[in-house]
Amino acid sequence: MAGQKHDLDDKDMDTSSVSPVMSMFETFRNELDEHQDRRERIIKTSRDITALSKKIIFSLQRVRHLQQPIPPPMAKEVNTRYEFIKELFTNIAPDLQGINSWRYQKQISGGCQEYVEAVSFQHYLETQRLITHGEAQALIPGGVELTADDYVLGLFDLTGELMRFGITNIATHGVLPRGAATAAGTQGRDILMDLRSIRTSFETLDISSGPNDWSYLKKDIEKKTDVMRQSVGKVEHAAYGMIIRGRERPKGWVPDLSEGQERGREPVESY
């Protein structure tokens, strides 16, 4: 028996199922639009924080002594930029709450690392010690989380600034920056001792046995470790030249950092 043919007229279609589907996709569209807008805001904020942090670092490179307060004119300039950065963190904080703090961690990471580099550099100049994770976190307002990854990677970048600071002092004063003498009357640590200590500590890091999601961190650390070793090596090279051949060089001599350096190495940031 042949089947009966039915005509599909508009009046026979059940349109009640169309509305929920359209509503669902409109919700998806709105969520994607919000995600894209939030992502762009975070990226822009991260870039602004990075730019301001670099300016702070450039200002701090004019300091010439360790374990002393930052000179007032320079401190005023630096603190003004810190206030701008804190305002940026406060404004972007609502976009980085809850699960979003991890969803957009990659977008804010660059700004956090550069900010850690700036605050750790100033902390070292004033106290001659590394800033702790808790101390760095306390300097970020609005509840924005500073991950351990960004903290460690920021300290890796700090070695490049310490290298620049040390070599500038060798070129202008003919000595390595050194902290105050101890209570026992012995000389304070110089910056090369601190750089070697940092290098030793970083070289003991082992993330090879970590979870699979550490693969991106491993890549960054391997690259930054190479640059960190170059930074320490440059200060060593400049110090050796100052001690061994310093008397033969005229006043105002600047060490040639290309001597003995192999080709193909990564450039050190900000130098």
C-alpha atoms as a PDB file:
ATOM      1  CA  MET A   1       0.000   0.000   0.000  1.00  0.00           C
ATOM      2  CA  ALA A   2       1.406   3.326  -1.082  1.00  0.00           C
ATOM      3  CA  GLY A   3       2.163   5.860   1.625  1.00  0.00           C
ATOM      4  CA  GLN A   4       0.096   8.982   1.930  1.00  0.00           C
ATOM      5  CA  LYS A   5       1.818  12.203   0.921  1.00  0.00           C
ATOM      6  CA  HIS A   6       1.526  15.192   3.237  1.00  0.00           C
ATOM      7  CA  ASP A   7       1.999  18.786   2.205  1.00  0.00           C
ATOM      8  CA  LEU A   8       4.303  20.880   4.421  1.00  0.00           C
ATOM      9  CA  ASP A   9       2.574  24.194   4.774  1.00  0.00           C
ATOM     10  CA  ASP A  10       3.702  26.981   7.035  1.00  0.00           C
ATOM     11  CA  LYS A  11       0.646  26.432   9.164  1.00  0.00           C
ATOM     12  CA  ASP A  12       1.655  22.772   9.686  1.00  0.00           C
ATOM     13  CA  MET A  13       5.173  23.685  11.003  1.00  0.00           C
ATOM     14  CA  ASP A  14       5.693  23.908  14.722  1.00  0.00           C
ATOM     15  CA  THR A  15       7.420  27.231  15.148  1.00  0.00           C
ATOM     16  CA  SER A  16       7.525  26.969  18.917  1.00  0.00           C
ATOM     17  CA  SER A  17      10.881  25.155  18.714  1.00  0.00           C
ATOM     18  CA  VAL A  18      12.532  27.923  16.666  1.00  0.00           C
ATOM     19  CA  SER A  19      12.410  30.606  19.318  1.00  0.00           C
ATOM     20  CA  PRO A  20      14.360  28.713  22.025  1.00  0.00           C
ATOM     21  CA  VAL A  21      17.062  27.792  19.522  1.00  0.00           C
ATOM     22  CA  MET A  22      17.459  31.367  18.323  1.00  0.00           C
ATOM     23  CA  SER A  23      17.501  32.583  21.895  1.00  0.00           C
ATOM     24  CA  MET A  24      20.199  30.076  22.762  1.00  0.00           C
ATOM     25  CA  PHE A  25      22.437  31.196  19.903  1.00  0.00           C
ATOM     26  CA  GLU A  26      21.875  34.840  20.748  1.00  0.00           C
ATOM     27  CA  THR A  27      23.118  34.022  24.257  1.00  0.00           C
ATOM     28  CA  PHE A  28      26.195  32.355  22.780  1.00  0.00           C
ATOM     29  CA  ARG A  29      26.820  35.397  20.587  1.00  0.00           C
ATOM     30  CA  ASN A  30      26.581  37.771  23.525  1.00  0.00           C
ATOM     31  CA  GLU A  31      28.929  35.631  25.601  1.00  0.00           C
ATOM     32  CA  LEU A  32      31.490  35.524  22.790  1.00  0.00           C
ATOM     33  CA  ASP A  33      31.239  39.284  22.310  1.00  0.00           C
ATOM     34  CA  GLU A  34      31.767  39.826  26.030  1.00  0.00           C
ATOM     35  CA  HIS A  35      34.713  37.438  26.012  1.00  0.00           C
ATOM     36  CA  GLN A  36      36.366  39.227  23.089  1.00  0.00           C
ATOM     37  CA  ASP A  37      35.812  42.677  24.625  1.00  0.00           C
ATOM     38  CA  ARG A  38      37.174  41.500  27.981  1.00  0.00           C
ATOM     39  CA  ARG A  39      40.178  39.886  26.328  1.00  0.00           C
ATOM     40  CA  GLU A  40      41.024  43.073  24.408  1.00  0.00           C
ATOM     41  CA  ARG A  41      40.713  45.187  27.568  1.00  0.00           C
ATOM     42  CA  ILE A  42      43.102  42.892  29.440  1.00  0.00           C
ATOM     43  CA  ILE A  43      45.625  42.839  26.585  1.00  0.00           C
ATOM     44  CA  LYS A  44      45.614  46.656  26.371  1.00  0.00           C
ATOM     45  CA  THR A  45      45.988  46.970  30.150  1.00  0.00           C
ATOM     46  CA  SER A  46      48.852  44.485  30.160  1.00  0.00           C
ATOM     47  CA  ARG A  47      50.648  46.487  27.473  1.00  0.00           C
ATOM     48  CA  ASP A  48      50.152  49.731  29.400  1.00  0.00           C
ATOM     49  CA  ILE A  49      51.499  48.136  32.601  1.00  0.00           C
ATOM     50  CA  THR A  50      54.482  46.816  30.657  1.00  0.00           C
ATOM     51  CA  ALA A  51      55.267  50.243  29.187  1.00  0.00           C
ATOM     52  CA  LEU A  52      55.029  52.008  32.561  1.00  0.00           C
ATOM     53  CA  SER A  53      57.118  49.309  34.273  1.00  0.00           C
ATOM     54  CA  LYS A  54      59.865  49.731  31.672  1.00  0.00           C
ATOM     55  CA  LYS A  55      59.914  53.480  32.313  1.00  0.00           C
ATOM     56  CA  ILE A  56      60.287  52.795  36.047  1.00  0.00           C
ATOM     57  CA  ILE A  57      63.227  50.486  35.345  1.00  0.00           C
ATOM     58  CA  PHE A  58      64.894  53.080  33.104  1.00  0.00           C
ATOM     59  CA  SER A  59      64.574  55.659  35.895  1.00  0.00           C
ATOM     60  CA  LEU A  60      65.982  53.281  38.505  1.00  0.00           C
ATOM     61  CA  GLN A  61      69.019  52.604  36.344  1.00  0.00           C
ATOM     62  CA  ARG A  62      70.193  56.114  37.245  1.00  0.00           C
ATOM     63  CA  VAL A  63      70.745  54.988  40.852  1.00  0.00           C
ATOM     64  CA  ARG A  64      74.420  54.470  41.691  1.00  0.00           C
ATOM     65  CA  HIS A  65      74.437  52.947  45.200  1.00  0.00           C
ATOM     66  CA  LEU A  66      72.992  49.897  46.951  1.00  0.00           C
ATOM     67  CA  GLN A  67      71.120  49.782  50.253  1.00  0.00           C
ATOM     68  CA  GLN A  68      70.235  53.450  50.143  1.00  0.00           C
ATOM     69  CA  PRO A  69      66.867  55.166  49.639  1.00  0.00           C
ATOM     70  CA  ILE A  70      65.978  56.204  46.119  1.00  0.00           C
ATOM     71  CA  PRO A  71      66.849  59.925  45.645  1.00  0.00           C
ATOM     72  CA  PRO A  72      63.712  62.083  46.212  1.00  0.00           C
ATOM     73  CA  PRO A  73      63.360  63.489  42.658  1.00  0.00           C
ATOM     74  CA  MET A  74      63.691  60.021  41.195  1.00  0.00           C
ATOM     75  CA  ALA A  75      61.391  58.524  43.842  1.00  0.00           C
ATOM     76  CA  LYS A  76      58.694  61.072  42.975  1.00  0.00           C
ATOM     77  CA  GLU A  77      58.933  60.168  39.296  1.00  0.00           C
ATOM     78  CA  VAL A  78      58.835  56.431  40.002  1.00  0.00           C
ATOM     79  CA  ASN A  79      55.973  56.649  42.509  1.00  0.00           C
ATOM     80  CA  THR A  80      53.834  58.581  40.024  1.00  0.00           C
ATOM     81  CA  ARG A  81      54.145  55.723  37.553  1.00  0.00           C
ATOM     82  CA  TYR A  82      53.414  53.185  40.278  1.00  0.00           C
ATOM     83  CA  GLU A  83      50.143  54.996  40.975  1.00  0.00           C
ATOM     84  CA  PHE A  84      49.184  54.750  37.292  1.00  0.00           C
ATOM     85  CA  ILE A  85      49.966  51.028  37.321  1.00  0.00           C
ATOM     86  CA  LYS A  86      47.920  50.436  40.462  1.00  0.00           C
ATOM     87  CA  GLU A  87      45.016  52.259  38.854  1.00  0.00           C
ATOM     88  CA  LEU A  88      45.283  50.002  35.800  1.00  0.00           C
ATOM     89  CA  PHE A  89      45.274  46.887  37.987  1.00  0.00           C
ATOM     90  CA  THR A  90      42.272  48.180  39.947  1.00  0.00           C
ATOM     91  CA  ASN A  91      40.284  48.945  36.798  1.00  0.00           C
ATOM     92  CA  ILE A  92      40.956  45.564  35.205  1.00  0.00           C
ATOM     93  CA  ALA A  93      40.461  43.547  38.408  1.00  0.00           C
ATOM     94  CA  PRO A  94      36.711  42.853  37.824  1.00  0.00           C
ATOM     95  CA  ASP A  95      37.645  41.104  34.561  1.00  0.00           C
ATOM     96  CA  LEU A  96      40.121  38.838  36.372  1.00  0.00           C
ATOM     97  CA  GLN A  97      37.981  37.402  39.144  1.00  0.00           C
ATOM     98  CA  GLY A  98      37.103  33.753  39.713  1.00  0.00           C
ATOM     99  CA  ILE A  99      37.677  31.437  36.784  1.00  0.00           C
ATOM    100  CA  ASN A 100      38.562  34.410  34.580  1.00  0.00           C
ATOM    101  CA  SER A 101      41.820  34.862  36.488  1.00  0.00           C
ATOM    102  CA  TRP A 102      42.990  31.640  34.824  1.00  0.00           C
ATOM    103  CA  ARG A 103      41.107  32.044  31.559  1.00  0.00           C
ATOM    104  CA  TYR A 104      42.932  35.315  30.816  1.00  0.00           C
ATOM    105  CA  GLN A 105      46.155  34.564  32.660  1.00  0.00           C
ATOM    106  CA  LYS A 106      48.123  34.497  29.418  1.00  0.00           C
ATOM    107  CA  GLN A 107      46.813  37.919  28.417  1.00  0.00           C
ATOM    108  CA  ILE A 108      47.823  39.640  31.703  1.00  0.00           C
ATOM    109  CA  SER A 109      51.007  37.608  32.196  1.00  0.00           C
ATOM    110  CA  GLY A 110      53.352  39.933  30.289  1.00  0.00           C
ATOM    111  CA  GLY A 111      52.336  42.959  32.340  1.00  0.00           C
ATOM    112  CA  CYS A 112      52.660  41.062  35.621  1.00  0.00           C
ATOM    113  CA  GLN A 113      56.155  39.819  34.747  1.00  0.00           C
ATOM    114  CA  GLU A 114      57.368  43.293  33.798  1.00  0.00           C
ATOM    115  CA  TYR A 115      55.839  44.749  36.967  1.00  0.00           C
ATOM    116  CA  VAL A 116      57.618  42.117  39.084  1.00  0.00           C
ATOM    117  CA  GLU A 117      60.848  43.018  37.334  1.00  0.00           C
ATOM    118  CA  ALA A 118      60.365  46.700  38.196  1.00  0.00           C
ATOM    119  CA  VAL A 119      59.391  46.265  41.861  1.00  0.00           C
ATOM    120  CA  SER A 120      62.057  43.610  42.446  1.00  0.00           C
ATOM    121  CA  PHE A 121      64.724  45.885  40.944  1.00  0.00           C
ATOM    122  CA  GLN A 122      63.780  48.745  43.243  1.00  0.00           C
ATOM    123  CA  HIS A 123      63.577  46.346  46.197  1.00  0.00           C
ATOM    124  CA  TYR A 124      67.063  45.070  45.449  1.00  0.00           C
ATOM    125  CA  LEU A 125      68.515  48.574  45.119  1.00  0.00           C
ATOM    126  CA  GLU A 126      67.092  49.572  48.500  1.00  0.00           C
ATOM    127  CA  THR A 127      67.658  46.355  50.466  1.00  0.00           C
ATOM    128  CA  GLN A 128      70.068  44.230  48.379  1.00  0.00           C
ATOM    129  CA  ARG A 129      67.799  41.218  48.571  1.00  0.00           C
ATOM    130  CA  LEU A 130      65.151  39.648  46.362  1.00  0.00           C
ATOM    131  CA  ILE A 131      61.521  40.502  46.879  1.00  0.00           C
ATOM    132  CA  THR A 132      59.376  37.570  48.001  1.00  0.00           C
ATOM    133  CA  HIS A 133      56.263  36.368  46.202  1.00  0.00           C
ATOM    134  CA  GLY A 134      54.097  37.612  49.072  1.00  0.00           C
ATOM    135  CA  GLU A 135      55.698  41.047  49.042  1.00  0.00           C
ATOM    136  CA  ALA A 136      55.221  41.351  45.282  1.00  0.00           C
ATOM    137  CA  GLN A 137      51.594  40.176  45.533  1.00  0.00           C
ATOM    138  CA  ALA A 138      50.889  42.817  48.179  1.00  0.00           C
ATOM    139  CA  LEU A 139      51.919  45.510  45.674  1.00  0.00           C
ATOM    140  CA  ILE A 140      49.214  44.445  43.185  1.00  0.00           C
ATOM    141  CA  PRO A 141      45.813  45.916  44.133  1.00  0.00           C
ATOM    142  CA  GLY A 142      42.306  44.844  43.260  1.00  0.00           C
ATOM    143  CA  GLY A 143      42.722  41.162  44.028  1.00  0.00           C
ATOM    144  CA  VAL A 144      44.592  40.443  40.776  1.00  0.00           C
ATOM    145  CA  GLU A 145      46.513  37.232  41.391  1.00  0.00           C
ATOM    146  CA  LEU A 146      50.261  37.077  40.819  1.00  0.00           C
ATOM    147  CA  THR A 147      50.987  33.500  39.809  1.00  0.00           C
ATOM    148  CA  ALA A 148      54.179  31.758  40.859  1.00  0.00           C
ATOM    149  CA  ASP A 149      55.059  31.428  37.157  1.00  0.00           C
ATOM    150  CA  ASP A 150      54.933  35.184  36.536  1.00  0.00           C
ATOM    151  CA  TYR A 151      56.861  35.845  39.748  1.00  0.00           C
ATOM    152  CA  VAL A 152      59.710  33.489  38.814  1.00  0.00           C
ATOM    153  CA  LEU A 153      59.867  34.649  35.191  1.00  0.00           C
ATOM    154  CA  GLY A 154      59.961  38.267  36.376  1.00  0.00           C
ATOM    155  CA  LEU A 155      62.967  37.464  38.574  1.00  0.00           C
ATOM    156  CA  PHE A 156      64.696  35.872  35.596  1.00  0.00           C
ATOM    157  CA  ASP A 157      64.325  39.184  33.741  1.00  0.00           C
ATOM    158  CA  LEU A 158      65.655  41.023  36.804  1.00  0.00           C
ATOM    159  CA  THR A 159      69.119  39.547  36.197  1.00  0.00           C
ATOM    160  CA  GLY A 160      69.375  41.514  32.957  1.00  0.00           C
ATOM    161  CA  GLU A 161      68.735  44.766  34.818  1.00  0.00           C
ATOM    162  CA  LEU A 162      71.250  43.866  37.519  1.00  0.00           C
ATOM    163  CA  MET A 163      73.789  43.181  34.781  1.00  0.00           C
ATOM    164  CA  ARG A 164      73.138  46.572  33.232  1.00  0.00           C
ATOM    165  CA  PHE A 165      73.327  48.277  36.615  1.00  0.00           C
ATOM    166  CA  GLY A 166      76.614  46.557  37.486  1.00  0.00           C
ATOM    167  CA  ILE A 167      78.353  47.270  34.183  1.00  0.00           C
ATOM    168  CA  THR A 168      77.240  50.912  34.196  1.00  0.00           C
ATOM    169  CA  ASN A 169      78.841  51.327  37.614  1.00  0.00           C
ATOM    170  CA  ILE A 170      82.040  49.658  36.427  1.00  0.00           C
ATOM    171  CA  ALA A 171      82.189  52.036  33.456  1.00  0.00           C
ATOM    172  CA  THR A 172      81.435  55.218  35.453  1.00  0.00           C
ATOM    173  CA  HIS A 173      83.089  54.526  38.822  1.00  0.00           C
ATOM    174  CA  GLY A 174      85.489  51.680  38.117  1.00  0.00           C
ATOM    175  CA  VAL A 175      84.032  49.479  40.881  1.00  0.00           C
ATOM    176  CA  LEU A 176      81.314  46.878  41.293  1.00  0.00           C
ATOM    177  CA  PRO A 177      78.268  48.090  43.246  1.00  0.00           C
ATOM    178  CA  ARG A 178      78.588  46.822  46.812  1.00  0.00           C
ATOM    179  CA  GLY A 179      76.346  46.842  49.851  1.00  0.00           C
ATOM    180  CA  ALA A 180      77.149  48.341  53.230  1.00  0.00           C
ATOM    181  CA  ALA A 181      79.726  46.727  55.498  1.00  0.00           C
ATOM    182  CA  THR A 182      78.482  44.193  58.013  1.00  0.00           C
ATOM    183  CA  ALA A 183      78.408  44.697  61.791  1.00  0.00           C
ATOM    184  CA  ALA A 184      81.582  42.614  62.028  1.00  0.00           C
ATOM    185  CA  GLY A 185      83.378  45.129  59.824  1.00  0.00           C
ATOM    186  CA  THR A 186      83.683  42.902  56.769  1.00  0.00           C
ATOM    187  CA  GLN A 187      82.864  44.173  53.299  1.00  0.00           C
ATOM    188  CA  GLY A 188      79.317  43.888  52.056  1.00  0.00           C
ATOM    189  CA  ARG A 189      78.355  41.683  49.137  1.00  0.00           C
ATOM    190  CA  ASP A 190      78.914  43.038  45.660  1.00  0.00           C
ATOM    191  CA  ILE A 191      76.449  42.637  42.828  1.00  0.00           C
ATOM    192  CA  LEU A 192      78.466  39.869  41.162  1.00  0.00           C
ATOM    193  CA  MET A 193      78.172  37.714  44.287  1.00  0.00           C
ATOM    194  CA  ASP A 194      74.418  38.197  44.234  1.00  0.00           C
ATOM    195  CA  LEU A 195      74.159  37.418  40.525  1.00  0.00           C
ATOM    196  CA  ARG A 196      76.129  34.213  40.974  1.00  0.00           C
ATOM    197  CA  SER A 197      73.893  33.219  43.864  1.00  0.00           C
ATOM    198  CA  ILE A 198      70.783  33.864  41.752  1.00  0.00           C
ATOM    199  CA  ARG A 199      72.281  31.881  38.882  1.00  0.00           C
ATOM    200  CA  THR A 200      72.995  28.923  41.163  1.00  0.00           C
ATOM    201  CA  SER A 201      69.461  28.986  42.568  1.00  0.00           C
ATOM    202  CA  PHE A 202      67.811  29.174  39.156  1.00  0.00           C
ATOM    203  CA  GLU A 203      69.970  26.395  37.763  1.00  0.00           C
ATOM    204  CA  THR A 204      68.630  24.062  40.465  1.00  0.00           C
ATOM    205  CA  LEU A 205      65.059  24.503  39.232  1.00  0.00           C
ATOM    206  CA  ASP A 206      63.680  21.218  37.942  1.00  0.00           C
ATOM    207  CA  ILE A 207      60.298  21.209  36.217  1.00  0.00           C
ATOM    208  CA  SER A 208      60.982  18.184  34.028  1.00  0.00           C
ATOM    209  CA  SER A 209      58.896  15.981  36.326  1.00  0.00           C
ATOM    210  CA  GLY A 210      55.965  18.359  36.488  1.00  0.00           C
ATOM    211  CA  PRO A 211      52.541  17.977  34.833  1.00  0.00           C
ATOM    212  CA  ASN A 212      52.069  18.262  31.100  1.00  0.00           C
ATOM    213  CA  ASP A 213      50.695  21.799  31.375  1.00  0.00           C
ATOM    214  CA  TRP A 214      54.136  22.935  32.509  1.00  0.00           C
ATOM    215  CA  SER A 215      55.483  22.506  28.992  1.00  0.00           C
ATOM    216  CA  TYR A 216      55.018  26.198  28.134  1.00  0.00           C
ATOM    217  CA  LEU A 217      56.730  27.232  31.373  1.00  0.00           C
ATOM    218  CA  LYS A 218      59.618  24.870  30.672  1.00  0.00           C
ATOM    219  CA  LYS A 219      60.157  26.507  27.286  1.00  0.00           C
ATOM    220  CA  ASP A 220      60.186  30.001  28.800  1.00  0.00           C
ATOM    221  CA  ILE A 221      62.524  29.007  31.626  1.00  0.00           C
ATOM    222  CA  GLU A 222      64.982  27.313  29.285  1.00  0.00           C
ATOM    223  CA  LYS A 223      65.164  30.447  27.140  1.00  0.00           C
ATOM    224  CA  LYS A 224      65.428  32.819  30.099  1.00  0.00           C
ATOM    225  CA  THR A 225      68.044  30.622  31.773  1.00  0.00           C
ATOM    226  CA  ASP A 226      70.320  31.024  28.755  1.00  0.00           C
ATOM    227  CA  VAL A 227      69.874  34.811  28.829  1.00  0.00           C
ATOM    228  CA  MET A 228      70.435  34.869  32.599  1.00  0.00           C
ATOM    229  CA  ARG A 229      73.734  33.006  32.216  1.00  0.00           C
ATOM    230  CA  GLN A 230      74.829  35.498  29.576  1.00  0.00           C
ATOM    231  CA  SER A 231      74.002  38.381  31.908  1.00  0.00           C
ATOM    232  CA  VAL A 232      76.077  36.959  34.746  1.00  0.00           C
ATOM    233  CA  GLY A 233      78.889  36.142  32.321  1.00  0.00           C
ATOM    234  CA  LYS A 234      78.985  39.722  31.050  1.00  0.00           C
ATOM    235  CA  VAL A 235      79.410  41.102  34.566  1.00  0.00           C
ATOM    236  CA  GLU A 236      82.124  38.523  35.269  1.00  0.00           C
ATOM    237  CA  HIS A 237      83.892  39.460  32.031  1.00  0.00           C
ATOM    238  CA  ALA A 238      83.705  43.181  32.832  1.00  0.00           C
ATOM    239  CA  ALA A 239      84.918  42.624  36.408  1.00  0.00           C
ATOM    240  CA  TYR A 240      87.861  40.498  35.277  1.00  0.00           C
ATOM    241  CA  GLY A 241      88.845  43.158  32.752  1.00  0.00           C
ATOM    242  CA  MET A 242      88.571  45.889  35.378  1.00  0.00           C
ATOM    243  CA  ILE A 243      90.773  44.015  37.853  1.00  0.00           C
ATOM    244  CA  ILE A 244      93.381  42.624  35.467  1.00  0.00           C
ATOM    245  CA  ARG A 245      93.727  45.449  32.957  1.00  0.00           C
ATOM    246  CA  GLY A 246      91.893  48.327  34.604  1.00  0.00           C
ATOM    247  CA  ARG A 247      94.955  50.447  35.257  1.00  0.00           C
ATOM    248  CA  GLU A 248      95.891  50.387  31.591  1.00  0.00           C
ATOM    249  CA  ARG A 249      92.578  51.851  30.453  1.00  0.00           C
ATOM    250  CA  PRO A 250      91.743  55.555  30.274  1.00  0.00           C
ATOM    251  CA  LYS A 251      89.101  57.224  32.389  1.00  0.00           C
ATOM    252  CA  GLY A 252      85.608  56.778  31.021  1.00  0.00           C
ATOM    253  CA  TRP A 253      86.417  53.429  29.403  1.00  0.00           C
ATOM    254  CA  VAL A 254      83.336  51.300  28.711  1.00  0.00           C
ATOM    255  CA  PRO A 255      83.769  47.501  28.629  1.00  0.00           C
ATOM    256  CA  ASP A 256      83.388  45.833  25.247  1.00  0.00           C
ATOM    257  CA  LEU A 257      80.712  43.236  25.921  1.00  0.00           C
ATOM    258  CA  SER A 258      81.264  41.598  22.556  1.00  0.00           C
ATOM    259  CA  GLU A 259      84.649  40.260  23.615  1.00  0.00           C
ATOM    260  CA  GLY A 260      84.604  36.524  24.015  1.00  0.00           C
ATOM    261  CA  GLN A 261      80.886  36.278  23.289  1.00  0.00           C
ATOM    262  CA  GLU A 262      79.661  33.587  20.972  1.00  0.00           C
ATOM    263  CA  ARG A 263      77.450  34.422  18.023  1.00  0.00           C
ATOM    264  CA  GLY A 264      73.824  33.484  17.858  1.00  0.00           C
ATOM    265  CA  ARG A 265      72.975  34.168  21.506  1.00  0.00           C
ATOM    266  CA  GLU A 266      69.694  35.705  22.562  1.00  0.00           C
ATOM    267  CA  PRO A 267      69.852  39.472  23.239  1.00  0.00           C
ATOM    268  CA  VAL A 268      69.425  40.523  26.842  1.00  0.00           C
ATOM    269  CA  GLU A 269      66.276  42.516  27.405  1.00  0.00           C
ATOM    270  CA  SER A 270      66.685  46.272  27.902  1.00  0.00           C
ATOM    271  CA  TYR A 271      70.421  46.223  27.250  1.00  0.00           C
END
